[in-house]
Amino acid sequence: MSNPPDSPLFYTITSTNCYDGNTSTIGIFDSMRAVAYRLQRCYSTCGDEYHIDCYHLSTAEKEKEEFIEQQTNRTKYQRENEIKDQLFKEHEENKQEDDEQLASKIREERLNVA
């Protein structure tokens, strides 16, 4: 999924308990600078783990546009597949008829030669 360059970013810090593996979110931040300051405030001991994740913030309007585009593409794709399947079926039917005509032609030639 591609995100536009103008979409806002936000960051989260998640800590993992080294004894039982439980995670907890320390905070949600608007910049890496804020993340760095918050990490400096954390009391850390040996084995502590912190994960920083970055997310793109999306709006309902943007998601609506993406949804409509996706539905349009799906409908177009389904229609193209229906046409392709129909053409393939017609081709198979014609191919079968051509094979029968070729077989009868060969039989006639063999009878004429004999």
C-alpha atoms as a PDB file:
ATOM      1  CA  MET A   1       0.000   0.000   0.000  1.00  0.00           C
ATOM      2  CA  SER A   2       1.425   3.333  -0.956  1.00  0.00           C
ATOM      3  CA  ASN A   3       0.951   6.403   1.164  1.00  0.00           C
ATOM      4  CA  PRO A   4       1.071   9.939  -0.159  1.00  0.00           C
ATOM      5  CA  PRO A   5       4.038  12.001   0.986  1.00  0.00           C
ATOM      6  CA  ASP A   6       1.735  14.609   2.508  1.00  0.00           C
ATOM      7  CA  SER A   7       0.014  12.146   4.858  1.00  0.00           C
ATOM      8  CA  PRO A   8       0.887  12.875   8.498  1.00  0.00           C
ATOM      9  CA  LEU A   9       3.070  10.442  10.430  1.00  0.00           C
ATOM     10  CA  PHE A  10       2.851   9.402  14.029  1.00  0.00           C
ATOM     11  CA  TYR A  11       5.148   7.218  16.090  1.00  0.00           C
ATOM     12  CA  THR A  12       4.612   4.824  18.975  1.00  0.00           C
ATOM     13  CA  ILE A  13       7.017   3.412  21.532  1.00  0.00           C
ATOM     14  CA  THR A  14       6.258  -0.064  22.807  1.00  0.00           C
ATOM     15  CA  SER A  15       8.179  -1.712  25.620  1.00  0.00           C
ATOM     16  CA  THR A  16       8.500  -5.472  26.027  1.00  0.00           C
ATOM     17  CA  ASN A  17       8.816  -7.061  29.439  1.00  0.00           C
ATOM     18  CA  CYS A  18      11.898  -9.277  29.293  1.00  0.00           C
ATOM     19  CA  TYR A  19      10.470 -11.746  31.854  1.00  0.00           C
ATOM     20  CA  ASP A  20       7.062 -12.607  30.444  1.00  0.00           C
ATOM     21  CA  GLY A  21       7.041 -10.985  26.976  1.00  0.00           C
ATOM     22  CA  ASN A  22       4.080  -8.703  27.689  1.00  0.00           C
ATOM     23  CA  THR A  23       4.076  -5.466  25.735  1.00  0.00           C
ATOM     24  CA  SER A  24       2.801  -2.046  26.683  1.00  0.00           C
ATOM     25  CA  THR A  25       2.602   1.137  24.650  1.00  0.00           C
ATOM     26  CA  ILE A  26       4.489   3.962  26.293  1.00  0.00           C
ATOM     27  CA  GLY A  27       3.131   6.703  24.069  1.00  0.00           C
ATOM     28  CA  ILE A  28       2.082   8.097  20.707  1.00  0.00           C
ATOM     29  CA  PHE A  29       4.188  10.938  19.309  1.00  0.00           C
ATOM     30  CA  ASP A  30       4.123  13.382  16.430  1.00  0.00           C
ATOM     31  CA  SER A  31       7.871  13.376  15.664  1.00  0.00           C
ATOM     32  CA  MET A  32      11.058  11.379  16.111  1.00  0.00           C
ATOM     33  CA  ARG A  33      12.364  14.219  18.235  1.00  0.00           C
ATOM     34  CA  ALA A  34       9.537  13.631  20.733  1.00  0.00           C
ATOM     35  CA  VAL A  35      10.293   9.883  20.640  1.00  0.00           C
ATOM     36  CA  ALA A  36      13.955  10.530  21.426  1.00  0.00           C
ATOM     37  CA  TYR A  37      13.119  12.766  24.400  1.00  0.00           C
ATOM     38  CA  ARG A  38      10.651  10.184  25.750  1.00  0.00           C
ATOM     39  CA  LEU A  39      13.204   7.374  25.409  1.00  0.00           C
ATOM     40  CA  GLN A  40      15.693   9.461  27.398  1.00  0.00           C
ATOM     41  CA  ARG A  41      13.122   9.712  30.200  1.00  0.00           C
ATOM     42  CA  CYS A  42      12.603   5.925  30.383  1.00  0.00           C
ATOM     43  CA  TYR A  43      14.190   4.105  33.297  1.00  0.00           C
ATOM     44  CA  SER A  44      15.923   1.179  31.586  1.00  0.00           C
ATOM     45  CA  THR A  45      17.593  -1.915  32.949  1.00  0.00           C
ATOM     46  CA  CYS A  46      19.529  -4.714  31.309  1.00  0.00           C
ATOM     47  CA  GLY A  47      17.349  -6.652  28.851  1.00  0.00           C
ATOM     48  CA  ASP A  48      14.672  -3.982  28.350  1.00  0.00           C
ATOM     49  CA  GLU A  49      13.331  -3.776  24.799  1.00  0.00           C
ATOM     50  CA  TYR A  50      11.747  -0.781  23.121  1.00  0.00           C
ATOM     51  CA  HIS A  51      10.169  -0.780  19.682  1.00  0.00           C
ATOM     52  CA  ILE A  52       9.488   2.360  17.680  1.00  0.00           C
ATOM     53  CA  ASP A  53       6.803   2.092  15.024  1.00  0.00           C
ATOM     54  CA  CYS A  54       5.886   4.677  12.416  1.00  0.00           C
ATOM     55  CA  TYR A  55       2.357   4.982  10.991  1.00  0.00           C
ATOM     56  CA  HIS A  56       0.704   7.049   8.282  1.00  0.00           C
ATOM     57  CA  LEU A  57      -2.436   8.794   9.435  1.00  0.00           C
ATOM     58  CA  SER A  58      -5.354   8.470   7.037  1.00  0.00           C
ATOM     59  CA  THR A  59      -8.676  10.264   6.816  1.00  0.00           C
ATOM     60  CA  ALA A  60     -12.136   8.877   6.139  1.00  0.00           C
ATOM     61  CA  GLU A  61     -12.316  10.848   2.873  1.00  0.00           C
ATOM     62  CA  LYS A  62      -9.039   9.343   1.625  1.00  0.00           C
ATOM     63  CA  GLU A  63     -10.137   5.829   2.591  1.00  0.00           C
ATOM     64  CA  LYS A  64     -13.472   6.389   0.799  1.00  0.00           C
ATOM     65  CA  GLU A  65     -11.652   7.383  -2.406  1.00  0.00           C
ATOM     66  CA  GLU A  66      -9.404   4.308  -2.160  1.00  0.00           C
ATOM     67  CA  PHE A  67     -12.430   2.068  -1.516  1.00  0.00           C
ATOM     68  CA  ILE A  68     -14.317   3.373  -4.561  1.00  0.00           C
ATOM     69  CA  GLU A  69     -11.235   2.941  -6.749  1.00  0.00           C
ATOM     70  CA  GLN A  70     -10.743  -0.611  -5.463  1.00  0.00           C
ATOM     71  CA  GLN A  71     -14.382  -1.564  -6.105  1.00  0.00           C
ATOM     72  CA  THR A  72     -14.200  -0.097  -9.612  1.00  0.00           C
ATOM     73  CA  ASN A  73     -11.034  -2.066 -10.376  1.00  0.00           C
ATOM     74  CA  ARG A  74     -12.544  -5.272  -8.998  1.00  0.00           C
ATOM     75  CA  THR A  75     -15.666  -4.871 -11.124  1.00  0.00           C
ATOM     76  CA  LYS A  76     -13.558  -4.167 -14.216  1.00  0.00           C
ATOM     77  CA  TYR A  77     -11.358  -7.202 -13.484  1.00  0.00           C
ATOM     78  CA  GLN A  78     -14.381  -9.483 -12.987  1.00  0.00           C
ATOM     79  CA  ARG A  79     -15.929  -8.273 -16.246  1.00  0.00           C
ATOM     80  CA  GLU A  80     -12.672  -8.859 -18.130  1.00  0.00           C
ATOM     81  CA  ASN A  81     -12.478 -12.383 -16.687  1.00  0.00           C
ATOM     82  CA  GLU A  82     -16.067 -13.112 -17.722  1.00  0.00           C
ATOM     83  CA  ILE A  83     -15.277 -12.014 -21.291  1.00  0.00           C
ATOM     84  CA  LYS A  84     -12.053 -14.038 -21.288  1.00  0.00           C
ATOM     85  CA  ASP A  85     -13.867 -17.150 -20.026  1.00  0.00           C
ATOM     86  CA  GLN A  86     -16.597 -16.712 -22.633  1.00  0.00           C
ATOM     87  CA  LEU A  87     -14.035 -16.343 -25.441  1.00  0.00           C
ATOM     88  CA  PHE A  88     -12.100 -19.365 -24.181  1.00  0.00           C
ATOM     89  CA  LYS A  89     -15.279 -21.455 -24.095  1.00  0.00           C
ATOM     90  CA  GLU A  90     -16.128 -20.405 -27.663  1.00  0.00           C
ATOM     91  CA  HIS A  91     -12.579 -21.224 -28.749  1.00  0.00           C
ATOM     92  CA  GLU A  92     -12.757 -24.682 -27.187  1.00  0.00           C
ATOM     93  CA  GLU A  93     -16.086 -25.348 -28.928  1.00  0.00           C
ATOM     94  CA  ASN A  94     -14.685 -24.205 -32.294  1.00  0.00           C
ATOM     95  CA  LYS A  95     -11.528 -26.218 -31.733  1.00  0.00           C
ATOM     96  CA  GLN A  96     -13.601 -29.343 -31.085  1.00  0.00           C
ATOM     97  CA  GLU A  97     -15.624 -28.718 -34.260  1.00  0.00           C
ATOM     98  CA  ASP A  98     -12.424 -28.140 -36.255  1.00  0.00           C
ATOM     99  CA  ASP A  99     -10.989 -31.425 -34.956  1.00  0.00           C
ATOM    100  CA  GLU A 100     -14.128 -33.308 -35.997  1.00  0.00           C
ATOM    101  CA  GLN A 101     -14.081 -31.691 -39.452  1.00  0.00           C
ATOM    102  CA  LEU A 102     -10.384 -32.526 -39.863  1.00  0.00           C
ATOM    103  CA  ALA A 103     -11.005 -36.151 -38.850  1.00  0.00           C
ATOM    104  CA  SER A 104     -13.859 -36.518 -41.331  1.00  0.00           C
ATOM    105  CA  LYS A 105     -11.733 -34.919 -44.072  1.00  0.00           C
ATOM    106  CA  ILE A 106      -8.891 -37.394 -43.428  1.00  0.00           C
ATOM    107  CA  ARG A 107     -11.352 -40.299 -43.498  1.00  0.00           C
ATOM    108  CA  GLU A 108     -12.731 -39.130 -46.851  1.00  0.00           C
ATOM    109  CA  GLU A 109      -9.217 -38.781 -48.294  1.00  0.00           C
ATOM    110  CA  ARG A 110      -8.304 -42.292 -47.141  1.00  0.00           C
ATOM    111  CA  LEU A 111     -11.483 -43.707 -48.672  1.00  0.00           C
ATOM    112  CA  ASN A 112     -10.802 -41.892 -51.942  1.00  0.00           C
ATOM    113  CA  VAL A 113      -7.222 -43.221 -52.061  1.00  0.00           C
ATOM    114  CA  ALA A 114      -8.297 -46.788 -51.414  1.00  0.00           C
END
